[in-house]
Amino acid sequence: MAEYYPVKLRQAGEFELEISWSDGHESVYPVRVLRLNCPCALCVHELSGRKILDEAAVSADVKPMVINPEGRYAINIHWTDGHKTGIYTYELLRSLCPCSECRASRESKD
């Protein structure tokens, strides 16, 4: 199990998803960013890891319709564009956190 996990997920706005984490961190994601970072084999080449999703084909107003837990390590999102095969691990979600603290941490590792 991840060292942190969501304790609360909620729609923060029409196009934002907020996750409150067990370590007290708060993440607010633009939902289209999550859709564009789907890790499934339809969106990312399984062998090379190269993104194959055509971002231009994803509508600017795409939104989650259903969010389901996947065990104790991830969530699965069913999107308004019909896509539903991506499993977003907690580790992936934290790596995508757009807050200034997380961005700075990522940049310092690069």
Protein backbone atom coordinates (compact mmCIF):
# COMPACT_ATOMS: atom_id res chain seq x y z
CA MET A 1 0.00 0.00 0.00
CA ALA A 2 1.17 3.54 -0.73
CA GLU A 3 2.50 5.64 2.11
CA TYR A 4 -0.46 7.97 1.59
CA TYR A 5 -3.93 7.45 0.23
CA PRO A 6 -6.99 9.57 -0.52
CA VAL A 7 -9.29 10.15 2.41
CA LYS A 8 -11.69 12.33 0.42
CA LEU A 9 -12.39 12.89 -3.27
CA ARG A 10 -14.77 15.58 -4.41
CA GLN A 11 -15.63 17.69 -7.39
CA ALA A 12 -14.05 21.08 -6.63
CA GLY A 13 -15.54 22.79 -9.66
CA GLU A 14 -16.99 21.82 -13.00
CA PHE A 15 -13.56 20.82 -14.28
CA GLU A 16 -11.59 20.12 -11.08
CA LEU A 17 -11.18 17.12 -8.82
CA GLU A 18 -9.96 17.63 -5.26
CA ILE A 19 -8.20 14.89 -3.32
CA SER A 20 -7.49 15.16 0.40
CA TRP A 21 -4.63 12.81 1.27
CA SER A 22 -3.98 10.86 4.47
CA ASP A 23 -0.79 12.87 5.06
CA GLY A 24 -2.78 16.13 5.10
CA HIS A 25 -1.86 17.22 1.57
CA GLU A 26 -4.59 18.68 -0.66
CA SER A 27 -4.47 18.30 -4.45
CA VAL A 28 -6.77 20.04 -6.92
CA TYR A 29 -6.47 18.60 -10.42
CA PRO A 30 -7.79 20.00 -13.67
CA VAL A 31 -9.67 16.87 -14.78
CA ARG A 32 -8.55 17.12 -18.41
CA VAL A 33 -4.95 16.85 -17.18
CA LEU A 34 -5.87 13.56 -15.50
CA ARG A 35 -7.54 12.29 -18.68
CA LEU A 36 -4.48 13.26 -20.76
CA ASN A 37 -2.26 11.35 -18.33
CA CYS A 38 -4.22 8.12 -18.41
CA PRO A 39 -1.69 5.28 -18.02
CA CYS A 40 -3.67 2.54 -19.81
CA ALA A 41 -2.44 0.60 -22.85
CA LEU A 42 -4.80 2.56 -25.13
CA CYS A 43 -3.08 5.80 -24.10
CA VAL A 44 0.52 4.71 -23.45
CA HIS A 45 2.50 2.19 -25.51
CA GLU A 46 2.99 -0.83 -23.27
CA LEU A 47 6.58 -1.58 -24.28
CA SER A 48 8.10 1.85 -24.86
CA GLY A 49 6.06 3.85 -22.34
CA ARG A 50 5.55 6.48 -25.06
CA LYS A 51 2.26 8.37 -24.96
CA ILE A 52 0.07 7.37 -27.90
CA LEU A 53 -3.06 9.26 -26.89
CA ASP A 54 -3.94 11.98 -29.40
CA GLU A 55 -4.44 14.87 -26.98
CA ALA A 56 -6.24 16.92 -29.64
CA ALA A 57 -8.92 14.20 -29.76
CA VAL A 58 -9.75 14.69 -26.06
CA SER A 59 -12.47 17.30 -25.62
CA ALA A 60 -11.67 20.35 -23.52
CA ASP A 61 -14.82 19.67 -21.50
CA VAL A 62 -14.12 16.00 -20.68
CA LYS A 63 -15.15 15.12 -17.11
CA PRO A 64 -15.26 12.09 -14.83
CA MET A 65 -18.66 10.41 -14.66
CA VAL A 66 -17.77 7.67 -12.16
CA ILE A 67 -14.74 7.18 -9.93
CA ASN A 68 -14.23 3.75 -8.39
CA PRO A 69 -11.57 2.48 -6.01
CA GLU A 70 -9.18 -0.19 -7.34
CA GLY A 71 -8.09 -2.15 -4.32
CA ARG A 72 -6.15 -0.04 -1.83
CA TYR A 73 -3.75 1.44 -4.35
CA ALA A 74 -5.63 3.26 -7.11
CA ILE A 75 -8.80 4.66 -8.61
CA ASN A 76 -10.46 3.99 -11.95
CA ILE A 77 -12.22 6.84 -13.74
CA HIS A 78 -15.02 6.52 -16.29
CA TRP A 79 -14.89 9.64 -18.50
CA THR A 80 -17.58 11.46 -20.47
CA ASP A 81 -15.68 10.59 -23.67
CA GLY A 82 -16.36 6.89 -23.03
CA HIS A 83 -12.83 6.03 -21.88
CA LYS A 84 -12.70 3.86 -18.76
CA THR A 85 -9.66 1.59 -18.81
CA GLY A 86 -7.16 3.73 -16.92
CA ILE A 87 -6.10 2.84 -13.39
CA TYR A 88 -4.63 5.85 -11.62
CA THR A 89 -2.39 4.67 -8.80
CA TYR A 90 -2.08 6.92 -5.79
CA GLU A 91 1.60 7.29 -6.66
CA LEU A 92 0.70 8.53 -10.16
CA LEU A 93 -1.91 10.93 -8.81
CA ARG A 94 0.57 12.44 -6.34
CA SER A 95 3.15 12.76 -9.12
CA LEU A 96 0.60 14.78 -11.12
CA CYS A 97 -0.34 17.12 -8.24
CA PRO A 98 -0.26 20.63 -9.71
CA CYS A 99 0.29 22.54 -6.46
CA SER A 100 3.35 24.79 -6.20
CA GLU A 101 4.94 22.64 -3.49
CA CYS A 102 4.74 19.45 -5.58
CA ARG A 103 5.84 21.24 -8.77
CA ALA A 104 8.89 22.64 -6.97
CA SER A 105 9.73 19.20 -5.60
CA ARG A 106 9.53 17.65 -9.09
CA GLU A 107 11.66 20.43 -10.60
CA SER A 108 14.35 20.00 -7.93
CA LYS A 109 14.62 16.29 -8.86
CA ASP A 110 15.10 17.04 -12.59
